Amino acid sequence: MGLNSVYYQNLFMRILIINDTKIPVEGYGGTERVIWYLGEELSKMGHEVTFLVREGSTCPFAKVQFLQPNLSLAQQISNDYDIIHANYQEKSISSLGIPYLFTFHGNRNNLEPLDIQTIFVSENHANRFGSQAFVYNGLNWDDYGKPNWNQKKAYFHFLGKAAWRVKNVQGAIDAILKTPTEQLKVLGGVRFNFKMGLRFTFSPRIQFYESVGGEEKNQLLQGSKGLIFPVKWHEPFGLAITESLYFGCPVFGTPYGSLKELVTPEVGFLSSSTKEISNALLHANDFNAKFCHDYAVEQFNSKKMAVKYLSFYEKAINGERLNEFPPVCQKIQTEKFLPWS
């Protein structure tokens, strides 16, 4: 029988975390933010963490090695680690003879199998690939400051890479414009976008902010009535959801991917209809902002994420397969976008 995760919290482990980006996070940065907080928590538990990331990275609590783009990962990794945690698929890792796992952060719409040691970021995400292995993304909420519950909420917000059509910023804009007077701040987009079918947004009720992060983003979320998140794909997780909830913002989105499990009726409203989302925005004050905040803090914190990963590290170190079979997409999506009307 394997050692339990409580034991592994106290057992010294040498952990290598790999991602093909720089750290610390610049701007918004989803995966970078997650692995940073994972490494931070593991370090607090007494483990030795090393990041293998892009040149220019720095970290005060872990060792940093730079990825060499002209070499395979197998050529860059020594035998000095107890577990390798990669955040993108690279076949050569399995040949090293070191226990490993992959976290899959994205989507795939083909029948190419993923590595058998793959972990997903929500239950829905895992199930769509025939897996039950998942860990929710967690954040260190201490870095976000304490919400000011007395601050006036004056607008709604969209948070994400608006240039990605699956994020459906146009749907968020349309939902706002169907209300009598509500306003929207788009965090992660521009007013004139020639790449999205020549989208021009002239309404003074819509304000645009390019990629924002840190205190500026936090202040914008602090003043929001809610997140409008009408994605047209199966969202794997969605840090925009949990960050918004932390600041007491209910979520108004589509019932796709992780939203069906993360956004309960107590913290948001889901529909694929512009009209229904628009009507729901008028009742944003019906949601309890403190409940939204507490839900995010309790369910999606970095300590909880690290402990869950430790249980998977344990299995990998004990030679267990994390999936019975290599995960593969269970249903090929034929339409380009999921329904939104």
C-alpha atoms as a PDB file:
ATOM      1  CA  MET A   1       0.000   0.000   0.000  1.00  0.00           C
ATOM      2  CA  GLY A   2       1.319   3.471  -0.887  1.00  0.00           C
ATOM      3  CA  LEU A   3       2.112   6.200   1.598  1.00  0.00           C
ATOM      4  CA  ASN A   4      -0.703   8.682   2.136  1.00  0.00           C
ATOM      5  CA  SER A   5      -0.511  12.291   1.018  1.00  0.00           C
ATOM      6  CA  VAL A   6      -0.210  13.592   4.590  1.00  0.00           C
ATOM      7  CA  TYR A   7       3.063  11.664   4.838  1.00  0.00           C
ATOM      8  CA  TYR A   8       4.227  13.098   1.541  1.00  0.00           C
ATOM      9  CA  GLN A   9       3.563  16.621   2.811  1.00  0.00           C
ATOM     10  CA  ASN A  10       6.242  16.019   5.435  1.00  0.00           C
ATOM     11  CA  LEU A  11       8.614  13.851   3.400  1.00  0.00           C
ATOM     12  CA  PHE A  12      11.421  15.683   1.596  1.00  0.00           C
ATOM     13  CA  MET A  13      10.941  15.406  -2.159  1.00  0.00           C
ATOM     14  CA  ARG A  14      12.872  16.840  -5.090  1.00  0.00           C
ATOM     15  CA  ILE A  15      10.271  18.057  -7.576  1.00  0.00           C
ATOM     16  CA  LEU A  16      10.897  19.343 -11.099  1.00  0.00           C
ATOM     17  CA  ILE A  17       8.123  21.496 -12.603  1.00  0.00           C
ATOM     18  CA  ILE A  18       8.379  22.143 -16.346  1.00  0.00           C
ATOM     19  CA  ASN A  19       6.615  24.690 -18.539  1.00  0.00           C
ATOM     20  CA  ASP A  20       7.564  26.381 -21.809  1.00  0.00           C
ATOM     21  CA  THR A  21       7.048  29.944 -20.506  1.00  0.00           C
ATOM     22  CA  LYS A  22       8.781  32.497 -18.309  1.00  0.00           C
ATOM     23  CA  ILE A  23       8.064  32.966 -14.615  1.00  0.00           C
ATOM     24  CA  PRO A  24       6.962  34.933 -12.699  1.00  0.00           C
ATOM     25  CA  VAL A  25       3.783  35.722 -14.580  1.00  0.00           C
ATOM     26  CA  GLU A  26       3.737  38.723 -16.903  1.00  0.00           C
ATOM     27  CA  GLY A  27       0.326  40.289 -17.422  1.00  0.00           C
ATOM     28  CA  TYR A  28      -2.490  37.794 -17.012  1.00  0.00           C
ATOM     29  CA  GLY A  29      -0.813  34.423 -17.545  1.00  0.00           C
ATOM     30  CA  GLY A  30      -2.956  31.472 -16.473  1.00  0.00           C
ATOM     31  CA  THR A  31      -0.713  28.397 -16.415  1.00  0.00           C
ATOM     32  CA  GLU A  32       2.277  30.421 -15.226  1.00  0.00           C
ATOM     33  CA  ARG A  33       0.272  31.686 -12.271  1.00  0.00           C
ATOM     34  CA  VAL A  34      -0.870  28.175 -11.343  1.00  0.00           C
ATOM     35  CA  ILE A  35       2.570  26.533 -11.438  1.00  0.00           C
ATOM     36  CA  TRP A  36       4.069  29.447  -9.500  1.00  0.00           C
ATOM     37  CA  TYR A  37       1.619  28.952  -6.639  1.00  0.00           C
ATOM     38  CA  LEU A  38       1.985  25.173  -6.800  1.00  0.00           C
ATOM     39  CA  GLY A  39       5.760  25.486  -6.445  1.00  0.00           C
ATOM     40  CA  GLU A  40       5.338  28.017  -3.644  1.00  0.00           C
ATOM     41  CA  GLU A  41       3.079  25.707  -1.627  1.00  0.00           C
ATOM     42  CA  LEU A  42       5.310  22.676  -2.172  1.00  0.00           C
ATOM     43  CA  SER A  43       8.293  24.731  -0.997  1.00  0.00           C
ATOM     44  CA  LYS A  44       6.398  25.788   2.128  1.00  0.00           C
ATOM     45  CA  MET A  45       5.815  22.092   2.857  1.00  0.00           C
ATOM     46  CA  GLY A  46       9.576  21.536   2.817  1.00  0.00           C
ATOM     47  CA  HIS A  47      10.044  20.055  -0.643  1.00  0.00           C
ATOM     48  CA  GLU A  48      12.851  21.133  -2.965  1.00  0.00           C
ATOM     49  CA  VAL A  49      11.295  22.610  -6.092  1.00  0.00           C
ATOM     50  CA  THR A  50      13.073  23.325  -9.355  1.00  0.00           C
ATOM     51  CA  PHE A  51      11.476  25.053 -12.328  1.00  0.00           C
ATOM     52  CA  LEU A  52      12.623  24.203 -15.856  1.00  0.00           C
ATOM     53  CA  VAL A  53      11.292  27.222 -17.763  1.00  0.00           C
ATOM     54  CA  ARG A  54      12.253  29.801 -20.357  1.00  0.00           C
ATOM     55  CA  GLU A  55      15.356  31.936 -20.101  1.00  0.00           C
ATOM     56  CA  GLY A  56      14.876  35.116 -18.099  1.00  0.00           C
ATOM     57  CA  SER A  57      12.810  33.432 -15.385  1.00  0.00           C
ATOM     58  CA  THR A  58      13.453  34.072 -11.695  1.00  0.00           C
ATOM     59  CA  CYS A  59      11.991  32.669  -8.497  1.00  0.00           C
ATOM     60  CA  PRO A  60      12.767  33.429  -4.814  1.00  0.00           C
ATOM     61  CA  PHE A  61      11.536  30.118  -3.362  1.00  0.00           C
ATOM     62  CA  ALA A  62      12.759  27.566  -5.931  1.00  0.00           C
ATOM     63  CA  LYS A  63      15.695  26.764  -8.145  1.00  0.00           C
ATOM     64  CA  VAL A  64      15.400  27.812 -11.796  1.00  0.00           C
ATOM     65  CA  GLN A  65      16.914  26.139 -14.837  1.00  0.00           C
ATOM     66  CA  PHE A  66      16.447  27.434 -18.373  1.00  0.00           C
ATOM     67  CA  LEU A  67      14.898  25.350 -21.134  1.00  0.00           C
ATOM     68  CA  GLN A  68      17.220  24.755 -24.072  1.00  0.00           C
ATOM     69  CA  PRO A  69      15.043  24.851 -27.210  1.00  0.00           C
ATOM     70  CA  ASN A  70      17.596  22.934 -29.282  1.00  0.00           C
ATOM     71  CA  LEU A  71      17.604  19.969 -26.880  1.00  0.00           C
ATOM     72  CA  SER A  72      14.929  17.457 -25.932  1.00  0.00           C
ATOM     73  CA  LEU A  73      13.739  17.460 -22.336  1.00  0.00           C
ATOM     74  CA  ALA A  74      15.414  14.097 -21.847  1.00  0.00           C
ATOM     75  CA  GLN A  75      18.757  15.722 -22.659  1.00  0.00           C
ATOM     76  CA  GLN A  76      18.197  18.481 -20.093  1.00  0.00           C
ATOM     77  CA  ILE A  77      16.966  16.531 -17.069  1.00  0.00           C
ATOM     78  CA  SER A  78      19.307  14.799 -14.643  1.00  0.00           C
ATOM     79  CA  ASN A  79      18.436  11.923 -12.296  1.00  0.00           C
ATOM     80  CA  ASP A  80      18.340  14.274  -9.304  1.00  0.00           C
ATOM     81  CA  TYR A  81      14.545  14.366  -9.014  1.00  0.00           C
ATOM     82  CA  ASP A  82      11.964  12.175  -7.299  1.00  0.00           C
ATOM     83  CA  ILE A  83       9.127  13.333  -9.556  1.00  0.00           C
ATOM     84  CA  ILE A  84       8.828  15.336 -12.782  1.00  0.00           C
ATOM     85  CA  HIS A  85       5.688  17.439 -13.257  1.00  0.00           C
ATOM     86  CA  ALA A  86       5.412  18.686 -16.849  1.00  0.00           C
ATOM     87  CA  ASN A  87       2.753  21.094 -18.058  1.00  0.00           C
ATOM     88  CA  TYR A  88       2.875  20.100 -21.703  1.00  0.00           C
ATOM     89  CA  GLN A  89       3.248  16.726 -23.394  1.00  0.00           C
ATOM     90  CA  GLU A  90       6.769  15.634 -24.310  1.00  0.00           C
ATOM     91  CA  LYS A  91       7.257  11.933 -25.066  1.00  0.00           C
ATOM     92  CA  SER A  92      10.943  11.780 -24.151  1.00  0.00           C
ATOM     93  CA  ILE A  93      10.163  12.235 -20.441  1.00  0.00           C
ATOM     94  CA  SER A  94       8.792   8.699 -20.208  1.00  0.00           C
ATOM     95  CA  SER A  95      12.193   7.313 -21.225  1.00  0.00           C
ATOM     96  CA  LEU A  96      14.076   8.855 -18.312  1.00  0.00           C
ATOM     97  CA  GLY A  97      13.152   6.250 -15.726  1.00  0.00           C
ATOM     98  CA  ILE A  98      12.006   8.982 -13.303  1.00  0.00           C
ATOM     99  CA  PRO A  99       8.391   9.044 -12.043  1.00  0.00           C
ATOM    100  CA  TYR A 100       6.462  11.760 -13.870  1.00  0.00           C
ATOM    101  CA  LEU A 101       3.064  13.199 -14.668  1.00  0.00           C
ATOM    102  CA  PHE A 102       1.647  15.727 -17.104  1.00  0.00           C
ATOM    103  CA  THR A 103      -0.995  18.357 -16.440  1.00  0.00           C
ATOM    104  CA  PHE A 104      -3.035  18.977 -19.572  1.00  0.00           C
ATOM    105  CA  HIS A 105      -4.322  22.575 -19.509  1.00  0.00           C
ATOM    106  CA  GLY A 106      -5.979  22.792 -22.905  1.00  0.00           C
ATOM    107  CA  ASN A 107      -8.326  20.993 -25.277  1.00  0.00           C
ATOM    108  CA  ARG A 108      -7.799  18.533 -28.101  1.00  0.00           C
ATOM    109  CA  ASN A 109     -10.331  17.637 -30.764  1.00  0.00           C
ATOM    110  CA  ASN A 110      -8.774  14.534 -32.329  1.00  0.00           C
ATOM    111  CA  LEU A 111      -8.211  10.897 -31.446  1.00  0.00           C
ATOM    112  CA  GLU A 112      -4.532  11.219 -30.630  1.00  0.00           C
ATOM    113  CA  PRO A 113      -4.088   9.754 -27.127  1.00  0.00           C
ATOM    114  CA  LEU A 114      -2.493  11.669 -24.294  1.00  0.00           C
ATOM    115  CA  ASP A 115       0.134  10.170 -22.006  1.00  0.00           C
ATOM    116  CA  ILE A 116      -1.254   7.667 -19.507  1.00  0.00           C
ATOM    117  CA  GLN A 117       0.160   9.822 -16.672  1.00  0.00           C
ATOM    118  CA  THR A 118      -1.968  12.835 -17.625  1.00  0.00           C
ATOM    119  CA  ILE A 119      -3.882  14.919 -15.068  1.00  0.00           C
ATOM    120  CA  PHE A 120      -6.705  17.300 -16.020  1.00  0.00           C
ATOM    121  CA  VAL A 121      -7.862  20.560 -14.417  1.00  0.00           C
ATOM    122  CA  SER A 122     -11.549  19.829 -13.784  1.00  0.00           C
ATOM    123  CA  GLU A 123     -13.786  16.796 -13.567  1.00  0.00           C
ATOM    124  CA  ASN A 124     -15.549  17.701 -16.813  1.00  0.00           C
ATOM    125  CA  HIS A 125     -12.183  18.174 -18.499  1.00  0.00           C
ATOM    126  CA  ALA A 126     -11.064  14.720 -17.367  1.00  0.00           C
ATOM    127  CA  ASN A 127     -14.333  12.997 -18.274  1.00  0.00           C
ATOM    128  CA  ARG A 128     -14.215  14.358 -21.815  1.00  0.00           C
ATOM    129  CA  PHE A 129     -10.999  12.369 -22.240  1.00  0.00           C
ATOM    130  CA  GLY A 130     -12.207   9.220 -20.503  1.00  0.00           C
ATOM    131  CA  SER A 131     -10.304  10.004 -17.299  1.00  0.00           C
ATOM    132  CA  GLN A 132     -11.118  10.580 -13.645  1.00  0.00           C
ATOM    133  CA  ALA A 133      -7.767  12.163 -12.729  1.00  0.00           C
ATOM    134  CA  PHE A 134      -8.006  15.895 -12.148  1.00  0.00           C
ATOM    135  CA  VAL A 135      -6.818  18.671  -9.854  1.00  0.00           C
ATOM    136  CA  TYR A 136      -8.557  22.040  -9.661  1.00  0.00           C
ATOM    137  CA  ASN A 137      -6.312  25.034 -10.255  1.00  0.00           C
ATOM    138  CA  GLY A 138      -5.666  26.910  -7.022  1.00  0.00           C
ATOM    139  CA  LEU A 139      -4.341  30.374  -6.228  1.00  0.00           C
ATOM    140  CA  ASN A 140      -2.668  31.988  -3.231  1.00  0.00           C
ATOM    141  CA  TRP A 141      -5.449  34.369  -2.293  1.00  0.00           C
ATOM    142  CA  ASP A 142      -3.154  36.286   0.085  1.00  0.00           C
ATOM    143  CA  ASP A 143      -1.648  37.878  -3.044  1.00  0.00           C
ATOM    144  CA  TYR A 144      -5.035  39.287  -4.043  1.00  0.00           C
ATOM    145  CA  GLY A 145      -5.652  41.410  -0.972  1.00  0.00           C
ATOM    146  CA  LYS A 146      -8.855  41.584   1.030  1.00  0.00           C
ATOM    147  CA  PRO A 147     -11.998  42.588  -0.883  1.00  0.00           C
ATOM    148  CA  ASN A 148     -13.638  45.841   0.144  1.00  0.00           C
ATOM    149  CA  TRP A 149     -17.275  44.923   0.646  1.00  0.00           C
ATOM    150  CA  ASN A 150     -18.264  48.598   0.916  1.00  0.00           C
ATOM    151  CA  GLN A 151     -16.986  49.535  -2.558  1.00  0.00           C
ATOM    152  CA  LYS A 152     -19.679  50.450  -5.054  1.00  0.00           C
ATOM    153  CA  LYS A 153     -20.248  47.951  -7.883  1.00  0.00           C
ATOM    154  CA  ALA A 154     -20.788  49.972 -11.034  1.00  0.00           C
ATOM    155  CA  TYR A 155     -20.303  47.702 -14.067  1.00  0.00           C
ATOM    156  CA  PHE A 156     -19.789  44.122 -15.267  1.00  0.00           C
ATOM    157  CA  HIS A 157     -16.569  42.698 -16.658  1.00  0.00           C
ATOM    158  CA  PHE A 158     -15.260  40.235 -19.225  1.00  0.00           C
ATOM    159  CA  LEU A 159     -11.892  38.662 -18.434  1.00  0.00           C
ATOM    160  CA  GLY A 160      -9.895  36.643 -20.954  1.00  0.00           C
ATOM    161  CA  LYS A 161      -8.095  36.760 -24.283  1.00  0.00           C
ATOM    162  CA  ALA A 162     -10.767  38.502 -26.309  1.00  0.00           C
ATOM    163  CA  ALA A 163      -8.945  37.690 -29.556  1.00  0.00           C
ATOM    164  CA  TRP A 164      -9.832  34.016 -29.031  1.00  0.00           C
ATOM    165  CA  ARG A 165     -13.234  33.677 -30.660  1.00  0.00           C
ATOM    166  CA  VAL A 166     -14.152  30.781 -28.364  1.00  0.00           C
ATOM    167  CA  LYS A 167     -14.084  33.261 -25.464  1.00  0.00           C
ATOM    168  CA  ASN A 168     -16.971  35.113 -27.151  1.00  0.00           C
ATOM    169  CA  VAL A 169     -16.358  38.693 -26.070  1.00  0.00           C
ATOM    170  CA  GLN A 170     -18.958  39.713 -28.653  1.00  0.00           C
ATOM    171  CA  GLY A 171     -21.531  37.671 -26.749  1.00  0.00           C
ATOM    172  CA  ALA A 172     -20.674  39.536 -23.563  1.00  0.00           C
ATOM    173  CA  ILE A 173     -21.012  42.864 -25.361  1.00  0.00           C
ATOM    174  CA  ASP A 174     -24.357  41.876 -26.895  1.00  0.00           C
ATOM    175  CA  ALA A 175     -25.717  40.767 -23.510  1.00  0.00           C
ATOM    176  CA  ILE A 176     -24.795  44.116 -21.929  1.00  0.00           C
ATOM    177  CA  LEU A 177     -26.271  46.144 -24.788  1.00  0.00           C
ATOM    178  CA  LYS A 178     -29.593  44.330 -24.391  1.00  0.00           C
ATOM    179  CA  THR A 179     -29.878  45.755 -20.862  1.00  0.00           C
ATOM    180  CA  PRO A 180     -31.192  49.311 -20.450  1.00  0.00           C
ATOM    181  CA  THR A 181     -28.117  50.939 -18.919  1.00  0.00           C
ATOM    182  CA  GLU A 182     -25.513  48.390 -17.744  1.00  0.00           C
ATOM    183  CA  GLN A 183     -21.840  48.863 -18.618  1.00  0.00           C
ATOM    184  CA  LEU A 184     -19.048  46.390 -19.434  1.00  0.00           C
ATOM    185  CA  LYS A 185     -15.307  46.571 -18.949  1.00  0.00           C
ATOM    186  CA  VAL A 186     -13.458  44.187 -21.286  1.00  0.00           C
ATOM    187  CA  LEU A 187     -10.229  43.054 -19.633  1.00  0.00           C
ATOM    188  CA  GLY A 188      -8.034  41.524 -22.317  1.00  0.00           C
ATOM    189  CA  GLY A 189      -9.360  43.111 -25.516  1.00  0.00           C
ATOM    190  CA  VAL A 190      -9.360  46.160 -27.776  1.00  0.00           C
ATOM    191  CA  ARG A 191     -12.168  48.266 -29.272  1.00  0.00           C
ATOM    192  CA  PHE A 192     -11.151  47.777 -32.909  1.00  0.00           C
ATOM    193  CA  ASN A 193     -10.137  44.221 -33.782  1.00  0.00           C
ATOM    194  CA  PHE A 194      -9.388  43.479 -37.424  1.00  0.00           C
ATOM    195  CA  LYS A 195      -8.722  39.804 -36.732  1.00  0.00           C
ATOM    196  CA  MET A 196     -12.223  39.041 -35.494  1.00  0.00           C
ATOM    197  CA  GLY A 197     -14.231  39.719 -38.606  1.00  0.00           C
ATOM    198  CA  LEU A 198     -13.571  43.470 -38.463  1.00  0.00           C
ATOM    199  CA  ARG A 199     -15.214  43.891 -35.049  1.00  0.00           C
ATOM    200  CA  PHE A 200     -15.836  47.540 -34.163  1.00  0.00           C
ATOM    201  CA  THR A 201     -17.413  48.449 -30.843  1.00  0.00           C
ATOM    202  CA  PHE A 202     -18.542  52.054 -30.650  1.00  0.00           C
ATOM    203  CA  SER A 203     -20.915  51.991 -27.669  1.00  0.00           C
ATOM    204  CA  PRO A 204     -19.762  54.237 -24.797  1.00  0.00           C
ATOM    205  CA  ARG A 205     -21.140  51.601 -22.432  1.00  0.00           C
ATOM    206  CA  ILE A 206     -18.236  49.289 -23.350  1.00  0.00           C
ATOM    207  CA  GLN A 207     -14.717  50.059 -22.138  1.00  0.00           C
ATOM    208  CA  PHE A 208     -11.640  48.124 -23.228  1.00  0.00           C
ATOM    209  CA  TYR A 209      -8.494  47.295 -21.314  1.00  0.00           C
ATOM    210  CA  GLU A 210      -5.712  45.344 -22.936  1.00  0.00           C
ATOM    211  CA  SER A 211      -3.975  42.544 -21.028  1.00  0.00           C
ATOM    212  CA  VAL A 212      -4.105  43.526 -17.364  1.00  0.00           C
ATOM    213  CA  GLY A 213      -2.700  41.827 -14.312  1.00  0.00           C
ATOM    214  CA  GLY A 214      -1.689  42.432 -10.736  1.00  0.00           C
ATOM    215  CA  GLU A 215      -3.218  45.247  -8.720  1.00  0.00           C
ATOM    216  CA  GLU A 216      -4.835  46.926 -11.743  1.00  0.00           C
ATOM    217  CA  LYS A 217      -6.822  43.790 -12.533  1.00  0.00           C
ATOM    218  CA  ASN A 218      -7.743  43.259  -8.901  1.00  0.00           C
ATOM    219  CA  GLN A 219      -9.086  46.802  -8.573  1.00  0.00           C
ATOM    220  CA  LEU A 220     -11.184  46.409 -11.719  1.00  0.00           C
ATOM    221  CA  LEU A 221     -12.683  43.160 -10.408  1.00  0.00           C
ATOM    222  CA  GLN A 222     -13.305  44.812  -7.042  1.00  0.00           C
ATOM    223  CA  GLY A 223     -15.694  47.310  -8.638  1.00  0.00           C
ATOM    224  CA  SER A 224     -17.601  44.795 -10.787  1.00  0.00           C
ATOM    225  CA  LYS A 225     -21.129  43.463 -10.367  1.00  0.00           C
ATOM    226  CA  GLY A 226     -20.222  40.199 -12.071  1.00  0.00           C
ATOM    227  CA  LEU A 227     -18.240  38.314 -14.711  1.00  0.00           C
ATOM    228  CA  ILE A 228     -19.809  37.743 -18.138  1.00  0.00           C
ATOM    229  CA  PHE A 229     -18.177  34.600 -19.538  1.00  0.00           C
ATOM    230  CA  PRO A 230     -20.200  33.252 -22.504  1.00  0.00           C
ATOM    231  CA  VAL A 231     -17.546  30.872 -23.850  1.00  0.00           C
ATOM    232  CA  LYS A 232     -18.303  28.862 -26.990  1.00  0.00           C
ATOM    233  CA  TRP A 233     -16.011  25.927 -26.181  1.00  0.00           C
ATOM    234  CA  HIS A 234     -15.610  23.452 -23.372  1.00  0.00           C
ATOM    235  CA  GLU A 235     -13.595  25.548 -20.933  1.00  0.00           C
ATOM    236  CA  PRO A 236     -11.025  23.287 -19.207  1.00  0.00           C
ATOM    237  CA  PHE A 237     -11.063  25.346 -15.984  1.00  0.00           C
ATOM    238  CA  GLY A 238     -11.124  29.146 -16.170  1.00  0.00           C
ATOM    239  CA  LEU A 239      -9.083  31.178 -13.676  1.00  0.00           C
ATOM    240  CA  ALA A 240     -11.228  34.159 -14.683  1.00  0.00           C
ATOM    241  CA  ILE A 241     -14.088  32.411 -12.888  1.00  0.00           C
ATOM    242  CA  THR A 242     -12.349  31.839  -9.573  1.00  0.00           C
ATOM    243  CA  GLU A 243     -10.593  35.214  -9.536  1.00  0.00           C
ATOM    244  CA  SER A 244     -13.901  36.969 -10.138  1.00  0.00           C
ATOM    245  CA  LEU A 245     -15.666  34.955  -7.449  1.00  0.00           C
ATOM    246  CA  TYR A 246     -12.927  35.909  -4.987  1.00  0.00           C
ATOM    247  CA  PHE A 247     -13.950  39.559  -5.368  1.00  0.00           C
ATOM    248  CA  GLY A 248     -17.610  38.680  -4.832  1.00  0.00           C
ATOM    249  CA  CYS A 249     -18.552  38.677  -8.528  1.00  0.00           C
ATOM    250  CA  PRO A 250     -21.187  36.131  -9.601  1.00  0.00           C
ATOM    251  CA  VAL A 251     -20.565  34.462 -12.966  1.00  0.00           C
ATOM    252  CA  PHE A 252     -22.903  34.723 -15.957  1.00  0.00           C
ATOM    253  CA  GLY A 253     -21.776  32.206 -18.536  1.00  0.00           C
ATOM    254  CA  THR A 254     -22.564  29.299 -20.817  1.00  0.00           C
ATOM    255  CA  PRO A 255     -23.114  25.709 -19.572  1.00  0.00           C
ATOM    256  CA  TYR A 256     -19.991  24.336 -21.235  1.00  0.00           C
ATOM    257  CA  GLY A 257     -16.950  22.527 -19.906  1.00  0.00           C
ATOM    258  CA  SER A 258     -15.962  23.268 -16.327  1.00  0.00           C
ATOM    259  CA  LEU A 259     -18.619  25.955 -15.874  1.00  0.00           C
ATOM    260  CA  LYS A 260     -21.250  23.302 -15.133  1.00  0.00           C
ATOM    261  CA  GLU A 261     -19.323  22.186 -12.037  1.00  0.00           C
ATOM    262  CA  LEU A 262     -17.616  25.404 -10.915  1.00  0.00           C
ATOM    263  CA  VAL A 263     -20.575  27.774 -11.270  1.00  0.00           C
ATOM    264  CA  THR A 264     -23.282  26.521  -8.945  1.00  0.00           C
ATOM    265  CA  PRO A 265     -26.692  28.270  -8.766  1.00  0.00           C
ATOM    266  CA  GLU A 266     -25.506  30.021  -5.599  1.00  0.00           C
ATOM    267  CA  VAL A 267     -22.676  31.807  -7.420  1.00  0.00           C
ATOM    268  CA  GLY A 268     -23.924  32.363 -10.958  1.00  0.00           C
ATOM    269  CA  PHE A 269     -26.260  31.750 -13.871  1.00  0.00           C
ATOM    270  CA  LEU A 270     -25.633  29.652 -16.984  1.00  0.00           C
ATOM    271  CA  SER A 271     -27.357  29.843 -20.368  1.00  0.00           C
ATOM    272  CA  SER A 272     -26.472  29.790 -24.065  1.00  0.00           C
ATOM    273  CA  SER A 273     -29.002  32.559 -24.759  1.00  0.00           C
ATOM    274  CA  THR A 274     -28.045  36.226 -25.039  1.00  0.00           C
ATOM    275  CA  LYS A 275     -31.511  37.251 -23.897  1.00  0.00           C
ATOM    276  CA  GLU A 276     -31.452  35.000 -20.825  1.00  0.00           C
ATOM    277  CA  ILE A 277     -27.979  36.138 -19.800  1.00  0.00           C
ATOM    278  CA  SER A 278     -28.992  39.767 -20.329  1.00  0.00           C
ATOM    279  CA  ASN A 279     -32.078  39.335 -18.133  1.00  0.00           C
ATOM    280  CA  ALA A 280     -30.023  37.596 -15.457  1.00  0.00           C
ATOM    281  CA  LEU A 281     -27.609  40.533 -15.289  1.00  0.00           C
ATOM    282  CA  LEU A 282     -30.461  42.685 -13.977  1.00  0.00           C
ATOM    283  CA  HIS A 283     -30.599  40.420 -10.917  1.00  0.00           C
ATOM    284  CA  ALA A 284     -26.888  40.367 -10.135  1.00  0.00           C
ATOM    285  CA  ASN A 285     -27.532  41.869  -6.717  1.00  0.00           C
ATOM    286  CA  ASP A 286     -29.529  38.774  -5.760  1.00  0.00           C
ATOM    287  CA  PHE A 287     -26.239  36.887  -5.329  1.00  0.00           C
ATOM    288  CA  ASN A 288     -24.374  37.045  -2.037  1.00  0.00           C
ATOM    289  CA  ALA A 289     -20.941  38.521  -2.748  1.00  0.00           C
ATOM    290  CA  LYS A 290     -19.435  37.188   0.490  1.00  0.00           C
ATOM    291  CA  PHE A 291     -20.663  33.673  -0.327  1.00  0.00           C
ATOM    292  CA  CYS A 292     -19.013  33.890  -3.781  1.00  0.00           C
ATOM    293  CA  HIS A 293     -15.778  34.989  -2.101  1.00  0.00           C
ATOM    294  CA  ASP A 294     -15.812  32.253   0.538  1.00  0.00           C
ATOM    295  CA  TYR A 295     -16.564  29.602  -2.074  1.00  0.00           C
ATOM    296  CA  ALA A 296     -13.500  30.599  -4.119  1.00  0.00           C
ATOM    297  CA  VAL A 297     -11.242  30.765  -1.066  1.00  0.00           C
ATOM    298  CA  GLU A 298     -12.293  27.368   0.270  1.00  0.00           C
ATOM    299  CA  GLN A 299     -12.466  25.385  -2.957  1.00  0.00           C
ATOM    300  CA  PHE A 300      -9.791  26.873  -5.218  1.00  0.00           C
ATOM    301  CA  ASN A 301      -6.776  27.688  -3.053  1.00  0.00           C
ATOM    302  CA  SER A 302      -3.176  26.730  -3.793  1.00  0.00           C
ATOM    303  CA  LYS A 303      -2.732  24.665  -0.603  1.00  0.00           C
ATOM    304  CA  LYS A 304      -5.616  22.400  -1.590  1.00  0.00           C
ATOM    305  CA  MET A 305      -4.184  22.107  -5.113  1.00  0.00           C
ATOM    306  CA  ALA A 306      -0.721  21.167  -3.821  1.00  0.00           C
ATOM    307  CA  VAL A 307      -2.049  18.499  -1.463  1.00  0.00           C
ATOM    308  CA  LYS A 308      -4.053  16.932  -4.289  1.00  0.00           C
ATOM    309  CA  TYR A 309      -1.014  16.900  -6.569  1.00  0.00           C
ATOM    310  CA  LEU A 310       1.010  15.262  -3.812  1.00  0.00           C
ATOM    311  CA  SER A 311      -1.447  12.354  -3.828  1.00  0.00           C
ATOM    312  CA  PHE A 312      -0.816  11.909  -7.554  1.00  0.00           C
ATOM    313  CA  TYR A 313       2.945  12.251  -7.047  1.00  0.00           C
ATOM    314  CA  GLU A 314       2.641   9.419  -4.534  1.00  0.00           C
ATOM    315  CA  LYS A 315       0.912   7.173  -7.039  1.00  0.00           C
ATOM    316  CA  ALA A 316       3.458   7.928  -9.754  1.00  0.00           C
ATOM    317  CA  ILE A 317       6.386   7.291  -7.408  1.00  0.00           C
ATOM    318  CA  ASN A 318       4.814   3.981  -6.384  1.00  0.00           C
ATOM    319  CA  GLY A 319       4.721   2.963 -10.035  1.00  0.00           C
ATOM    320  CA  GLU A 320       0.956   3.319 -10.455  1.00  0.00           C
ATOM    321  CA  ARG A 321      -0.721   4.393 -13.664  1.00  0.00           C
ATOM    322  CA  LEU A 322      -2.772   7.538 -13.208  1.00  0.00           C
ATOM    323  CA  ASN A 323      -5.226   6.404 -15.879  1.00  0.00           C
ATOM    324  CA  GLU A 324      -6.347   2.904 -16.793  1.00  0.00           C
ATOM    325  CA  PHE A 325      -5.835   3.700 -20.467  1.00  0.00           C
ATOM    326  CA  PRO A 326      -4.187   6.626 -22.286  1.00  0.00           C
ATOM    327  CA  PRO A 327      -6.757   9.468 -22.215  1.00  0.00           C
ATOM    328  CA  VAL A 328      -8.315  10.297 -25.567  1.00  0.00           C
ATOM    329  CA  CYS A 329     -11.072  12.691 -26.676  1.00  0.00           C
ATOM    330  CA  GLN A 330     -14.358  10.850 -26.208  1.00  0.00           C
ATOM    331  CA  LYS A 331     -16.410  12.926 -28.640  1.00  0.00           C
ATOM    332  CA  ILE A 332     -15.078  14.771 -31.664  1.00  0.00           C
ATOM    333  CA  GLN A 333     -16.707  18.189 -31.978  1.00  0.00           C
ATOM    334  CA  THR A 334     -17.816  18.809 -35.543  1.00  0.00           C
ATOM    335  CA  GLU A 335     -19.044  22.389 -35.102  1.00  0.00           C
ATOM    336  CA  LYS A 336     -16.472  25.168 -34.867  1.00  0.00           C
ATOM    337  CA  PHE A 337     -18.216  26.807 -31.921  1.00  0.00           C
ATOM    338  CA  LEU A 338     -20.695  25.551 -29.327  1.00  0.00           C
ATOM    339  CA  PRO A 339     -24.191  27.087 -29.562  1.00  0.00           C
ATOM    340  CA  TRP A 340     -24.790  30.717 -28.587  1.00  0.00           C
ATOM    341  CA  SER A 341     -27.870  32.590 -29.715  1.00  0.00           C
END
